[in-house]
Amino acid sequence: MAKYSGFYLLLVMLRLAMAFAGILNETCYDDDDTTGGPLRADEYQDSCPAAEAIVFSGVEKAVFGDPRMAASLLRLHFHDCFVNGCDASVLLDDVGSFVGEKTAAPNLNSLRGFEVIDAIKSDLESVCPGTVSCADILAMAARDSVVLSGGPGWDVQKGRRDSLEASKSAAANNIPGPNSGFPTLVAKFQNVGLTLTNLVALSGAHTMGKARCSTFSARLNGPEINVDFMESLQQLCSESGTNTTLAELDLVTPATFDNQYYVNLLSGEGLLASDQALVSGDEQTHKIVESYAVDTMIFFEDFRKSMLKMGSLNPLIGKKGEIRRNCRAVN
């Protein structure tokens, strides 16, 4: 407990507050559009007051050591929420006859950061055993990853409980793929209650991170691509001779959470087919992309709202589910 008490706790909380200050000063909002229904921002105020500081410290350490980890932790939350709600089912390992979601096509050899969540959970269990859910850790870690990369902050709604099961088939079917066309993207977002604005805003997470050549090879022969950009990608992937070579999702500011992703799309430099589809597939989403490319604050505000909405998808509350002691296995 001493590790996260006194001066250290105060320092971490101050740094977290300072990280939020810039965006909160520039983007004012009322609490009506940030509620998560049965979820609450102050869920651990009494039961585990150090929870936010512990999560932030763990994410900060991980991102400092590997800037790409910010994108990876954000993606974990996304892939979790799109499969039967935000319940940490994505973290469950295959054990015996139990089949988790990690080997589903959208996740296999793609998702990373599990060990970061393990370390944060271990720290939380040492201070507040059996209190903070793995699902809430994912939500807080996603927010902190954005903040540490220069993006907006928001009050994470908490109180989710962890699932007792997982669905490999739902993971395979529900999560949008890198080669998804516009109709498929819209359908998969609508299936979980998310709008066109949510689709465009949440896709902005691709302003940081990397993707394998195998995920965008079809894009190299597709329409709406900048010729110089295409040639640079072809050279990158051909020189390595392997589909596992990584390319930056945003070549200009790859480790910064900003609106450069949308500027890239308008220039025909979206790395994934699903990225460029936001511009070429629909006039309405094209206009949203244009608005984000022009005004970072509009993007940040819509991204914040969309993360809160996605984070409130079908949470397990009350006596449903459990609070896992180990995020990789049910108790």
C-alpha atoms as a PDB file:
ATOM      1  CA  MET A   1       0.000   0.000   0.000  1.00  0.00           C
ATOM      2  CA  ALA A   2       2.868   2.366   0.822  1.00  0.00           C
ATOM      3  CA  LYS A   3       3.993   2.333  -2.803  1.00  0.00           C
ATOM      4  CA  TYR A   4       0.908   4.330  -3.835  1.00  0.00           C
ATOM      5  CA  SER A   5       0.370   6.489  -0.763  1.00  0.00           C
ATOM      6  CA  GLY A   6       1.424   9.928   0.341  1.00  0.00           C
ATOM      7  CA  PHE A   7       3.544  12.073  -1.915  1.00  0.00           C
ATOM      8  CA  TYR A   8       3.749   9.554  -4.778  1.00  0.00           C
ATOM      9  CA  LEU A   9      -0.021   9.265  -5.098  1.00  0.00           C
ATOM     10  CA  LEU A  10      -0.395  13.031  -4.990  1.00  0.00           C
ATOM     11  CA  LEU A  11       2.248  13.458  -7.688  1.00  0.00           C
ATOM     12  CA  VAL A  12       0.685  10.936 -10.062  1.00  0.00           C
ATOM     13  CA  MET A  13      -2.804  12.381  -9.610  1.00  0.00           C
ATOM     14  CA  LEU A  14      -1.448  15.881 -10.220  1.00  0.00           C
ATOM     15  CA  ARG A  15       0.202  14.744 -13.449  1.00  0.00           C
ATOM     16  CA  LEU A  16      -3.041  13.082 -14.550  1.00  0.00           C
ATOM     17  CA  ALA A  17      -4.998  16.246 -13.793  1.00  0.00           C
ATOM     18  CA  MET A  18      -2.479  18.373 -15.682  1.00  0.00           C
ATOM     19  CA  ALA A  19      -2.719  16.049 -18.678  1.00  0.00           C
ATOM     20  CA  PHE A  20      -6.469  16.621 -18.803  1.00  0.00           C
ATOM     21  CA  ALA A  21      -6.284  20.360 -18.176  1.00  0.00           C
ATOM     22  CA  GLY A  22      -5.351  21.467 -21.695  1.00  0.00           C
ATOM     23  CA  ILE A  23      -8.230  19.782 -23.471  1.00  0.00           C
ATOM     24  CA  LEU A  24     -10.762  20.541 -20.734  1.00  0.00           C
ATOM     25  CA  ASN A  25      -9.902  24.224 -20.862  1.00  0.00           C
ATOM     26  CA  GLU A  26     -10.402  24.312 -24.627  1.00  0.00           C
ATOM     27  CA  THR A  27     -13.368  21.974 -24.929  1.00  0.00           C
ATOM     28  CA  CYS A  28     -16.104  22.641 -22.420  1.00  0.00           C
ATOM     29  CA  TYR A  29     -18.959  20.201 -22.000  1.00  0.00           C
ATOM     30  CA  ASP A  30     -21.709  19.369 -19.569  1.00  0.00           C
ATOM     31  CA  ASP A  31     -22.020  16.062 -17.806  1.00  0.00           C
ATOM     32  CA  ASP A  32     -25.238  15.072 -19.579  1.00  0.00           C
ATOM     33  CA  ASP A  33     -23.453  13.624 -22.615  1.00  0.00           C
ATOM     34  CA  THR A  34     -20.749  11.777 -20.691  1.00  0.00           C
ATOM     35  CA  THR A  35     -22.820   9.526 -18.461  1.00  0.00           C
ATOM     36  CA  GLY A  36     -22.454   5.803 -18.868  1.00  0.00           C
ATOM     37  CA  GLY A  37     -25.906   4.894 -17.578  1.00  0.00           C
ATOM     38  CA  PRO A  38     -25.310   2.621 -14.572  1.00  0.00           C
ATOM     39  CA  LEU A  39     -21.584   3.362 -14.700  1.00  0.00           C
ATOM     40  CA  ARG A  40     -20.046   6.134 -12.586  1.00  0.00           C
ATOM     41  CA  ALA A  41     -16.879   8.200 -12.762  1.00  0.00           C
ATOM     42  CA  ASP A  42     -16.417   7.981  -8.978  1.00  0.00           C
ATOM     43  CA  GLU A  43     -16.974   4.230  -8.655  1.00  0.00           C
ATOM     44  CA  TYR A  44     -13.702   3.659  -6.766  1.00  0.00           C
ATOM     45  CA  GLN A  45     -13.587   6.922  -4.836  1.00  0.00           C
ATOM     46  CA  ASP A  46     -14.064   5.121  -1.514  1.00  0.00           C
ATOM     47  CA  SER A  47     -13.188   1.512  -2.284  1.00  0.00           C
ATOM     48  CA  CYS A  48      -9.918   2.172  -4.138  1.00  0.00           C
ATOM     49  CA  PRO A  49      -9.022   5.879  -4.289  1.00  0.00           C
ATOM     50  CA  ALA A  50      -5.595   5.113  -5.792  1.00  0.00           C
ATOM     51  CA  ALA A  51      -7.065   3.211  -8.762  1.00  0.00           C
ATOM     52  CA  GLU A  52      -6.720   5.982 -11.372  1.00  0.00           C
ATOM     53  CA  ALA A  53      -3.172   6.784 -10.261  1.00  0.00           C
ATOM     54  CA  ILE A  54      -2.106   3.142 -10.368  1.00  0.00           C
ATOM     55  CA  VAL A  55      -3.496   2.624 -13.868  1.00  0.00           C
ATOM     56  CA  PHE A  56      -1.981   5.863 -15.155  1.00  0.00           C
ATOM     57  CA  SER A  57       1.415   5.005 -13.683  1.00  0.00           C
ATOM     58  CA  GLY A  58       1.384   1.567 -15.326  1.00  0.00           C
ATOM     59  CA  VAL A  59       0.375   2.952 -18.708  1.00  0.00           C
ATOM     60  CA  GLU A  60       2.915   5.773 -18.460  1.00  0.00           C
ATOM     61  CA  LYS A  61       5.730   3.306 -17.753  1.00  0.00           C
ATOM     62  CA  ALA A  62       4.694   1.086 -20.667  1.00  0.00           C
ATOM     63  CA  VAL A  63       4.303   3.918 -23.187  1.00  0.00           C
ATOM     64  CA  PHE A  64       7.589   5.514 -22.117  1.00  0.00           C
ATOM     65  CA  GLY A  65       9.340   2.215 -22.833  1.00  0.00           C
ATOM     66  CA  ASP A  66       7.438   1.586 -26.080  1.00  0.00           C
ATOM     67  CA  PRO A  67       5.460   4.492 -27.602  1.00  0.00           C
ATOM     68  CA  ARG A  68       3.579   2.061 -29.840  1.00  0.00           C
ATOM     69  CA  MET A  69       2.021   0.574 -26.707  1.00  0.00           C
ATOM     70  CA  ALA A  70      -0.368   3.543 -26.500  1.00  0.00           C
ATOM     71  CA  ALA A  71      -2.078   2.450 -29.711  1.00  0.00           C
ATOM     72  CA  SER A  72      -2.050  -1.184 -28.590  1.00  0.00           C
ATOM     73  CA  LEU A  73      -3.802  -0.485 -25.281  1.00  0.00           C
ATOM     74  CA  LEU A  74      -6.402   1.691 -27.006  1.00  0.00           C
ATOM     75  CA  ARG A  75      -7.044  -1.110 -29.492  1.00  0.00           C
ATOM     76  CA  LEU A  76      -7.515  -3.673 -26.711  1.00  0.00           C
ATOM     77  CA  HIS A  77     -10.444  -1.672 -25.340  1.00  0.00           C
ATOM     78  CA  PHE A  78     -11.960  -1.323 -28.822  1.00  0.00           C
ATOM     79  CA  HIS A  79     -11.714  -5.046 -29.582  1.00  0.00           C
ATOM     80  CA  ASP A  80     -13.168  -5.856 -26.170  1.00  0.00           C
ATOM     81  CA  CYS A  81     -16.208  -3.601 -26.474  1.00  0.00           C
ATOM     82  CA  PHE A  82     -17.198  -4.797 -29.957  1.00  0.00           C
ATOM     83  CA  VAL A  83     -17.642  -8.362 -28.705  1.00  0.00           C
ATOM     84  CA  ASN A  84     -20.692  -8.600 -26.430  1.00  0.00           C
ATOM     85  CA  GLY A  85     -19.830  -5.358 -24.656  1.00  0.00           C
ATOM     86  CA  CYS A  86     -16.941  -4.011 -22.585  1.00  0.00           C
ATOM     87  CA  ASP A  87     -16.417  -6.962 -20.251  1.00  0.00           C
ATOM     88  CA  ALA A  88     -12.700  -7.851 -20.563  1.00  0.00           C
ATOM     89  CA  SER A  89     -13.526 -11.068 -22.428  1.00  0.00           C
ATOM     90  CA  VAL A  90     -10.667 -10.214 -24.816  1.00  0.00           C
ATOM     91  CA  LEU A  91      -8.171 -10.815 -22.005  1.00  0.00           C
ATOM     92  CA  LEU A  92      -9.150 -14.434 -21.280  1.00  0.00           C
ATOM     93  CA  ASP A  93      -6.633 -17.108 -22.276  1.00  0.00           C
ATOM     94  CA  ASP A  94      -7.458 -20.446 -23.877  1.00  0.00           C
ATOM     95  CA  VAL A  95      -7.287 -22.967 -21.035  1.00  0.00           C
ATOM     96  CA  GLY A  96      -8.301 -26.604 -21.395  1.00  0.00           C
ATOM     97  CA  SER A  97     -11.709 -26.691 -23.071  1.00  0.00           C
ATOM     98  CA  PHE A  98     -12.214 -22.950 -22.588  1.00  0.00           C
ATOM     99  CA  VAL A  99     -11.715 -20.982 -25.820  1.00  0.00           C
ATOM    100  CA  GLY A 100     -11.069 -17.272 -25.569  1.00  0.00           C
ATOM    101  CA  GLU A 101     -10.995 -14.532 -28.211  1.00  0.00           C
ATOM    102  CA  LYS A 102      -7.247 -14.080 -28.600  1.00  0.00           C
ATOM    103  CA  THR A 103      -7.015 -16.585 -31.468  1.00  0.00           C
ATOM    104  CA  ALA A 104      -9.883 -15.061 -33.462  1.00  0.00           C
ATOM    105  CA  ALA A 105      -8.711 -13.727 -36.831  1.00  0.00           C
ATOM    106  CA  PRO A 106      -8.912 -10.005 -35.935  1.00  0.00           C
ATOM    107  CA  ASN A 107      -6.862 -10.613 -32.757  1.00  0.00           C
ATOM    108  CA  LEU A 108      -4.348 -13.356 -33.554  1.00  0.00           C
ATOM    109  CA  ASN A 109      -0.780 -12.046 -33.926  1.00  0.00           C
ATOM    110  CA  SER A 110      -2.272  -8.569 -33.741  1.00  0.00           C
ATOM    111  CA  LEU A 111      -3.376  -7.595 -30.248  1.00  0.00           C
ATOM    112  CA  ARG A 112      -0.653  -6.786 -27.737  1.00  0.00           C
ATOM    113  CA  GLY A 113      -0.277  -5.162 -24.333  1.00  0.00           C
ATOM    114  CA  PHE A 114      -1.696  -8.018 -22.273  1.00  0.00           C
ATOM    115  CA  GLU A 115       1.360  -8.002 -20.012  1.00  0.00           C
ATOM    116  CA  VAL A 116       0.811  -4.292 -19.295  1.00  0.00           C
ATOM    117  CA  ILE A 117      -2.730  -5.010 -18.110  1.00  0.00           C
ATOM    118  CA  ASP A 118      -1.384  -7.921 -16.026  1.00  0.00           C
ATOM    119  CA  ALA A 119       1.114  -5.636 -14.280  1.00  0.00           C
ATOM    120  CA  ILE A 120      -1.503  -2.969 -13.560  1.00  0.00           C
ATOM    121  CA  LYS A 121      -3.920  -5.576 -12.225  1.00  0.00           C
ATOM    122  CA  SER A 122      -1.212  -7.002  -9.962  1.00  0.00           C
ATOM    123  CA  ASP A 123      -0.527  -3.549  -8.521  1.00  0.00           C
ATOM    124  CA  LEU A 124      -4.234  -2.926  -7.975  1.00  0.00           C
ATOM    125  CA  GLU A 125      -4.718  -6.301  -6.277  1.00  0.00           C
ATOM    126  CA  SER A 126      -1.906  -5.508  -3.849  1.00  0.00           C
ATOM    127  CA  VAL A 127      -3.623  -2.263  -2.832  1.00  0.00           C
ATOM    128  CA  CYS A 128      -7.351  -2.973  -3.337  1.00  0.00           C
ATOM    129  CA  PRO A 129      -7.854  -6.729  -3.689  1.00  0.00           C
ATOM    130  CA  GLY A 130     -10.966  -7.876  -5.512  1.00  0.00           C
ATOM    131  CA  THR A 131     -12.147  -4.340  -6.221  1.00  0.00           C
ATOM    132  CA  VAL A 132     -11.187  -2.968  -9.658  1.00  0.00           C
ATOM    133  CA  SER A 133     -12.389  -4.944 -12.670  1.00  0.00           C
ATOM    134  CA  CYS A 134     -10.236  -5.804 -15.651  1.00  0.00           C
ATOM    135  CA  ALA A 135     -12.888  -4.217 -17.893  1.00  0.00           C
ATOM    136  CA  ASP A 136     -12.466  -0.911 -16.063  1.00  0.00           C
ATOM    137  CA  ILE A 137      -8.684  -1.217 -16.285  1.00  0.00           C
ATOM    138  CA  LEU A 138      -8.987  -1.507 -20.067  1.00  0.00           C
ATOM    139  CA  ALA A 139     -11.199   1.591 -20.217  1.00  0.00           C
ATOM    140  CA  MET A 140      -8.862   3.669 -18.046  1.00  0.00           C
ATOM    141  CA  ALA A 141      -5.737   2.434 -19.841  1.00  0.00           C
ATOM    142  CA  ALA A 142      -7.245   3.414 -23.207  1.00  0.00           C
ATOM    143  CA  ARG A 143      -7.963   6.928 -21.955  1.00  0.00           C
ATOM    144  CA  ASP A 144      -4.520   7.297 -20.397  1.00  0.00           C
ATOM    145  CA  SER A 145      -2.844   6.094 -23.605  1.00  0.00           C
ATOM    146  CA  VAL A 146      -4.593   8.853 -25.546  1.00  0.00           C
ATOM    147  CA  VAL A 147      -3.690  11.503 -22.972  1.00  0.00           C
ATOM    148  CA  LEU A 148      -0.036  10.461 -22.829  1.00  0.00           C
ATOM    149  CA  SER A 149       0.117  10.712 -26.629  1.00  0.00           C
ATOM    150  CA  GLY A 150      -1.184  14.279 -26.695  1.00  0.00           C
ATOM    151  CA  GLY A 151      -4.892  13.581 -27.102  1.00  0.00           C
ATOM    152  CA  PRO A 152      -7.989  14.538 -25.099  1.00  0.00           C
ATOM    153  CA  GLY A 153      -8.890  13.352 -21.622  1.00  0.00           C
ATOM    154  CA  TRP A 154     -12.279  12.361 -20.225  1.00  0.00           C
ATOM    155  CA  ASP A 155     -13.800  11.036 -17.017  1.00  0.00           C
ATOM    156  CA  VAL A 156     -13.916   7.282 -17.540  1.00  0.00           C
ATOM    157  CA  GLN A 157     -17.226   5.841 -16.371  1.00  0.00           C
ATOM    158  CA  LYS A 158     -16.531   2.826 -14.184  1.00  0.00           C
ATOM    159  CA  GLY A 159     -18.345  -0.028 -12.483  1.00  0.00           C
ATOM    160  CA  ARG A 160     -18.091  -2.695 -15.182  1.00  0.00           C
ATOM    161  CA  ARG A 161     -17.685  -6.271 -14.067  1.00  0.00           C
ATOM    162  CA  ASP A 162     -15.719  -8.980 -15.846  1.00  0.00           C
ATOM    163  CA  SER A 163     -17.257 -11.677 -18.018  1.00  0.00           C
ATOM    164  CA  LEU A 164     -17.223 -15.370 -17.175  1.00  0.00           C
ATOM    165  CA  GLU A 165     -17.097 -16.340 -20.838  1.00  0.00           C
ATOM    166  CA  ALA A 166     -15.768 -15.307 -24.230  1.00  0.00           C
ATOM    167  CA  SER A 167     -16.823 -15.729 -27.848  1.00  0.00           C
ATOM    168  CA  LYS A 168     -14.251 -16.444 -30.515  1.00  0.00           C
ATOM    169  CA  SER A 169     -16.969 -16.503 -33.188  1.00  0.00           C
ATOM    170  CA  ALA A 170     -18.334 -13.099 -32.147  1.00  0.00           C
ATOM    171  CA  ALA A 171     -14.804 -11.679 -32.212  1.00  0.00           C
ATOM    172  CA  ALA A 172     -14.343 -13.029 -35.730  1.00  0.00           C
ATOM    173  CA  ASN A 173     -17.655 -11.599 -36.941  1.00  0.00           C
ATOM    174  CA  ASN A 174     -18.161  -8.347 -35.008  1.00  0.00           C
ATOM    175  CA  ILE A 175     -14.797  -6.575 -35.202  1.00  0.00           C
ATOM    176  CA  PRO A 176     -14.307  -4.485 -38.363  1.00  0.00           C
ATOM    177  CA  GLY A 177     -11.375  -5.693 -40.455  1.00  0.00           C
ATOM    178  CA  PRO A 178      -8.660  -3.660 -42.196  1.00  0.00           C
ATOM    179  CA  ASN A 179     -10.113  -4.444 -45.633  1.00  0.00           C
ATOM    180  CA  SER A 180     -13.746  -3.778 -44.720  1.00  0.00           C
ATOM    181  CA  GLY A 181     -15.688  -1.772 -47.264  1.00  0.00           C
ATOM    182  CA  PHE A 182     -17.867   1.140 -46.239  1.00  0.00           C
ATOM    183  CA  PRO A 183     -21.172  -0.815 -46.010  1.00  0.00           C
ATOM    184  CA  THR A 184     -19.512  -3.409 -43.772  1.00  0.00           C
ATOM    185  CA  LEU A 185     -18.051  -0.735 -41.500  1.00  0.00           C
ATOM    186  CA  VAL A 186     -21.422   0.978 -41.133  1.00  0.00           C
ATOM    187  CA  ALA A 187     -23.203  -2.304 -40.431  1.00  0.00           C
ATOM    188  CA  LYS A 188     -20.746  -3.415 -37.747  1.00  0.00           C
ATOM    189  CA  PHE A 189     -20.902  -0.072 -35.971  1.00  0.00           C
ATOM    190  CA  GLN A 190     -24.690   0.092 -36.215  1.00  0.00           C
ATOM    191  CA  ASN A 191     -24.935  -3.453 -34.846  1.00  0.00           C
ATOM    192  CA  VAL A 192     -23.536  -2.195 -31.538  1.00  0.00           C
ATOM    193  CA  GLY A 193     -25.477   1.072 -31.570  1.00  0.00           C
ATOM    194  CA  LEU A 194     -22.761   3.393 -32.864  1.00  0.00           C
ATOM    195  CA  THR A 195     -23.370   6.113 -35.465  1.00  0.00           C
ATOM    196  CA  LEU A 196     -21.553   7.386 -38.559  1.00  0.00           C
ATOM    197  CA  THR A 197     -19.956  10.125 -36.447  1.00  0.00           C
ATOM    198  CA  ASN A 198     -18.790   7.501 -33.959  1.00  0.00           C
ATOM    199  CA  LEU A 199     -17.348   5.479 -36.853  1.00  0.00           C
ATOM    200  CA  VAL A 200     -15.315   8.365 -38.228  1.00  0.00           C
ATOM    201  CA  ALA A 201     -14.230   9.650 -34.809  1.00  0.00           C
ATOM    202  CA  LEU A 202     -13.152   6.270 -33.417  1.00  0.00           C
ATOM    203  CA  SER A 203     -11.282   5.474 -36.649  1.00  0.00           C
ATOM    204  CA  GLY A 204      -9.117   8.445 -35.686  1.00  0.00           C
ATOM    205  CA  ALA A 205      -7.371   6.112 -33.248  1.00  0.00           C
ATOM    206  CA  HIS A 206      -5.364   5.147 -36.338  1.00  0.00           C
ATOM    207  CA  THR A 207      -3.517   8.413 -35.970  1.00  0.00           C
ATOM    208  CA  MET A 208      -0.975   6.291 -34.106  1.00  0.00           C
ATOM    209  CA  GLY A 209       0.196   2.705 -34.245  1.00  0.00           C
ATOM    210  CA  LYS A 210       1.376   0.326 -36.946  1.00  0.00           C
ATOM    211  CA  ALA A 211      -0.029  -2.329 -39.276  1.00  0.00           C
ATOM    212  CA  ARG A 212       1.474  -5.339 -41.024  1.00  0.00           C
ATOM    213  CA  CYS A 213       1.912  -5.445 -44.784  1.00  0.00           C
ATOM    214  CA  SER A 214      -0.585  -8.313 -44.887  1.00  0.00           C
ATOM    215  CA  THR A 215      -3.334  -6.022 -43.611  1.00  0.00           C
ATOM    216  CA  PHE A 216      -3.016  -3.433 -46.368  1.00  0.00           C
ATOM    217  CA  SER A 217      -1.698  -5.405 -49.374  1.00  0.00           C
ATOM    218  CA  ALA A 218      -5.086  -5.151 -51.103  1.00  0.00           C
ATOM    219  CA  ARG A 219      -4.977  -1.381 -50.663  1.00  0.00           C
ATOM    220  CA  LEU A 220      -1.888  -1.136 -52.868  1.00  0.00           C
ATOM    221  CA  ASN A 221      -3.961  -1.965 -55.935  1.00  0.00           C
ATOM    222  CA  GLY A 222      -7.083  -0.093 -54.914  1.00  0.00           C
ATOM    223  CA  PRO A 223      -8.590   3.226 -55.952  1.00  0.00           C
ATOM    224  CA  GLU A 224      -8.157   6.561 -54.218  1.00  0.00           C
ATOM    225  CA  ILE A 225      -4.493   6.064 -53.351  1.00  0.00           C
ATOM    226  CA  ASN A 226      -1.702   8.597 -53.609  1.00  0.00           C
ATOM    227  CA  VAL A 227       0.809   7.233 -56.152  1.00  0.00           C
ATOM    228  CA  ASP A 228       3.931   8.249 -54.212  1.00  0.00           C
ATOM    229  CA  PHE A 229       2.429   6.795 -51.044  1.00  0.00           C
ATOM    230  CA  MET A 230       1.614   3.539 -52.839  1.00  0.00           C
ATOM    231  CA  GLU A 231       5.144   3.223 -54.223  1.00  0.00           C
ATOM    232  CA  SER A 232       6.704   3.797 -50.790  1.00  0.00           C
ATOM    233  CA  LEU A 233       4.531   1.057 -49.303  1.00  0.00           C
ATOM    234  CA  GLN A 234       5.295  -1.339 -52.154  1.00  0.00           C
ATOM    235  CA  GLN A 235       9.002  -0.770 -51.612  1.00  0.00           C
ATOM    236  CA  LEU A 236       8.713  -1.289 -47.857  1.00  0.00           C
ATOM    237  CA  CYS A 237       6.832  -4.560 -48.187  1.00  0.00           C
ATOM    238  CA  SER A 238       8.822  -5.941 -51.135  1.00  0.00           C
ATOM    239  CA  GLU A 239      12.221  -5.249 -49.578  1.00  0.00           C
ATOM    240  CA  SER A 240      11.386  -7.230 -46.463  1.00  0.00           C
ATOM    241  CA  GLY A 241       9.977 -10.180 -48.385  1.00  0.00           C
ATOM    242  CA  THR A 242       7.501 -10.830 -45.587  1.00  0.00           C
ATOM    243  CA  ASN A 243       3.943  -9.802 -44.801  1.00  0.00           C
ATOM    244  CA  THR A 244       4.864  -9.214 -41.165  1.00  0.00           C
ATOM    245  CA  THR A 245       6.761  -5.974 -41.850  1.00  0.00           C
ATOM    246  CA  LEU A 246       5.166  -3.039 -40.048  1.00  0.00           C
ATOM    247  CA  ALA A 247       4.179   0.315 -41.542  1.00  0.00           C
ATOM    248  CA  GLU A 248       3.113   3.425 -39.629  1.00  0.00           C
ATOM    249  CA  LEU A 249      -0.612   4.114 -39.787  1.00  0.00           C
ATOM    250  CA  ASP A 250       0.300   7.802 -39.825  1.00  0.00           C
ATOM    251  CA  LEU A 251       3.678   8.525 -41.411  1.00  0.00           C
ATOM    252  CA  VAL A 252       3.708  12.191 -40.391  1.00  0.00           C
ATOM    253  CA  THR A 253       3.134  12.042 -36.609  1.00  0.00           C
ATOM    254  CA  PRO A 254       3.120   8.290 -35.851  1.00  0.00           C
ATOM    255  CA  ALA A 255       3.306   8.487 -32.044  1.00  0.00           C
ATOM    256  CA  THR A 256       1.118  11.561 -31.525  1.00  0.00           C
ATOM    257  CA  PHE A 257      -2.635  11.586 -31.048  1.00  0.00           C
ATOM    258  CA  ASP A 258      -3.745  14.378 -33.383  1.00  0.00           C
ATOM    259  CA  ASN A 259      -5.875  14.978 -36.482  1.00  0.00           C
ATOM    260  CA  GLN A 260      -3.148  14.168 -39.030  1.00  0.00           C
ATOM    261  CA  TYR A 261      -4.913  10.884 -39.838  1.00  0.00           C
ATOM    262  CA  TYR A 262      -7.765  12.818 -41.461  1.00  0.00           C
ATOM    263  CA  VAL A 263      -5.396  15.065 -43.382  1.00  0.00           C
ATOM    264  CA  ASN A 264      -3.784  11.886 -44.714  1.00  0.00           C
ATOM    265  CA  LEU A 265      -7.151  10.473 -45.812  1.00  0.00           C
ATOM    266  CA  LEU A 266      -7.919  13.576 -47.864  1.00  0.00           C
ATOM    267  CA  SER A 267      -4.541  13.147 -49.583  1.00  0.00           C
ATOM    268  CA  GLY A 268      -5.246   9.507 -50.457  1.00  0.00           C
ATOM    269  CA  GLU A 269      -2.781   8.298 -47.817  1.00  0.00           C
ATOM    270  CA  GLY A 270      -4.959   6.149 -45.596  1.00  0.00           C
ATOM    271  CA  LEU A 271      -2.958   3.003 -44.932  1.00  0.00           C
ATOM    272  CA  LEU A 272      -5.869   0.580 -44.609  1.00  0.00           C
ATOM    273  CA  ALA A 273      -8.713   0.132 -47.065  1.00  0.00           C
ATOM    274  CA  SER A 274     -11.128   0.623 -44.169  1.00  0.00           C
ATOM    275  CA  ASP A 275      -9.491   3.996 -43.464  1.00  0.00           C
ATOM    276  CA  GLN A 276      -9.743   5.338 -46.999  1.00  0.00           C
ATOM    277  CA  ALA A 277     -13.341   4.099 -47.249  1.00  0.00           C
ATOM    278  CA  LEU A 278     -14.354   6.912 -44.900  1.00  0.00           C
ATOM    279  CA  VAL A 279     -13.552   9.372 -47.691  1.00  0.00           C
ATOM    280  CA  SER A 280     -14.447   7.394 -50.794  1.00  0.00           C
ATOM    281  CA  GLY A 281     -17.482   5.497 -49.523  1.00  0.00           C
ATOM    282  CA  ASP A 282     -19.931   8.166 -48.421  1.00  0.00           C
ATOM    283  CA  GLU A 283     -20.476  11.904 -48.793  1.00  0.00           C
ATOM    284  CA  GLN A 284     -21.532  12.358 -45.155  1.00  0.00           C
ATOM    285  CA  THR A 285     -18.449  10.681 -43.698  1.00  0.00           C
ATOM    286  CA  HIS A 286     -16.289  12.566 -46.210  1.00  0.00           C
ATOM    287  CA  LYS A 287     -17.611  15.834 -44.768  1.00  0.00           C
ATOM    288  CA  ILE A 288     -16.915  14.652 -41.214  1.00  0.00           C
ATOM    289  CA  VAL A 289     -13.343  13.767 -42.225  1.00  0.00           C
ATOM    290  CA  GLU A 290     -12.940  17.244 -43.710  1.00  0.00           C
ATOM    291  CA  SER A 291     -14.181  18.897 -40.506  1.00  0.00           C
ATOM    292  CA  TYR A 292     -11.729  16.904 -38.381  1.00  0.00           C
ATOM    293  CA  ALA A 293      -8.838  17.655 -40.742  1.00  0.00           C
ATOM    294  CA  VAL A 294      -9.515  21.372 -40.379  1.00  0.00           C
ATOM    295  CA  ASP A 295     -10.225  21.559 -36.629  1.00  0.00           C
ATOM    296  CA  THR A 296      -8.468  19.310 -34.117  1.00  0.00           C
ATOM    297  CA  MET A 297     -10.800  20.342 -31.315  1.00  0.00           C
ATOM    298  CA  ILE A 298     -13.882  19.146 -33.192  1.00  0.00           C
ATOM    299  CA  PHE A 299     -12.205  15.758 -33.615  1.00  0.00           C
ATOM    300  CA  PHE A 300     -11.098  15.600 -29.991  1.00  0.00           C
ATOM    301  CA  GLU A 301     -14.595  16.387 -28.728  1.00  0.00           C
ATOM    302  CA  ASP A 302     -16.278  13.800 -30.966  1.00  0.00           C
ATOM    303  CA  PHE A 303     -13.617  11.227 -30.119  1.00  0.00           C
ATOM    304  CA  ARG A 304     -14.134  11.809 -26.390  1.00  0.00           C
ATOM    305  CA  LYS A 305     -17.909  11.415 -26.723  1.00  0.00           C
ATOM    306  CA  SER A 306     -17.522   8.339 -28.926  1.00  0.00           C
ATOM    307  CA  MET A 307     -15.146   6.649 -26.481  1.00  0.00           C
ATOM    308  CA  LEU A 308     -17.608   7.223 -23.652  1.00  0.00           C
ATOM    309  CA  LYS A 309     -20.441   5.810 -25.759  1.00  0.00           C
ATOM    310  CA  MET A 310     -18.424   2.789 -26.856  1.00  0.00           C
ATOM    311  CA  GLY A 311     -17.231   2.248 -23.287  1.00  0.00           C
ATOM    312  CA  SER A 312     -20.825   1.976 -22.079  1.00  0.00           C
ATOM    313  CA  LEU A 313     -21.774  -0.856 -24.456  1.00  0.00           C
ATOM    314  CA  ASN A 314     -23.527  -3.666 -22.585  1.00  0.00           C
ATOM    315  CA  PRO A 315     -21.568  -3.493 -19.318  1.00  0.00           C
ATOM    316  CA  LEU A 316     -21.971  -6.268 -16.780  1.00  0.00           C
ATOM    317  CA  ILE A 317     -23.215  -4.650 -13.571  1.00  0.00           C
ATOM    318  CA  GLY A 318     -24.729  -5.628 -10.233  1.00  0.00           C
ATOM    319  CA  LYS A 319     -24.243  -9.324  -9.636  1.00  0.00           C
ATOM    320  CA  LYS A 320     -23.518 -10.194 -13.253  1.00  0.00           C
ATOM    321  CA  GLY A 321     -20.013 -11.414 -13.993  1.00  0.00           C
ATOM    322  CA  GLU A 322     -17.274 -11.020 -11.411  1.00  0.00           C
ATOM    323  CA  ILE A 323     -14.190  -9.024 -10.443  1.00  0.00           C
ATOM    324  CA  ARG A 324     -11.347 -11.213 -11.679  1.00  0.00           C
ATOM    325  CA  ARG A 325      -8.250 -11.624  -9.572  1.00  0.00           C
ATOM    326  CA  ASN A 326      -6.273 -12.468 -12.712  1.00  0.00           C
ATOM    327  CA  CYS A 327      -7.404 -10.810 -15.943  1.00  0.00           C
ATOM    328  CA  ARG A 328      -6.438 -13.864 -17.998  1.00  0.00           C
ATOM    329  CA  ALA A 329      -8.765 -16.318 -16.228  1.00  0.00           C
ATOM    330  CA  VAL A 330     -12.089 -16.482 -14.472  1.00  0.00           C
ATOM    331  CA  ASN A 331     -11.864 -16.871 -10.696  1.00  0.00           C
END
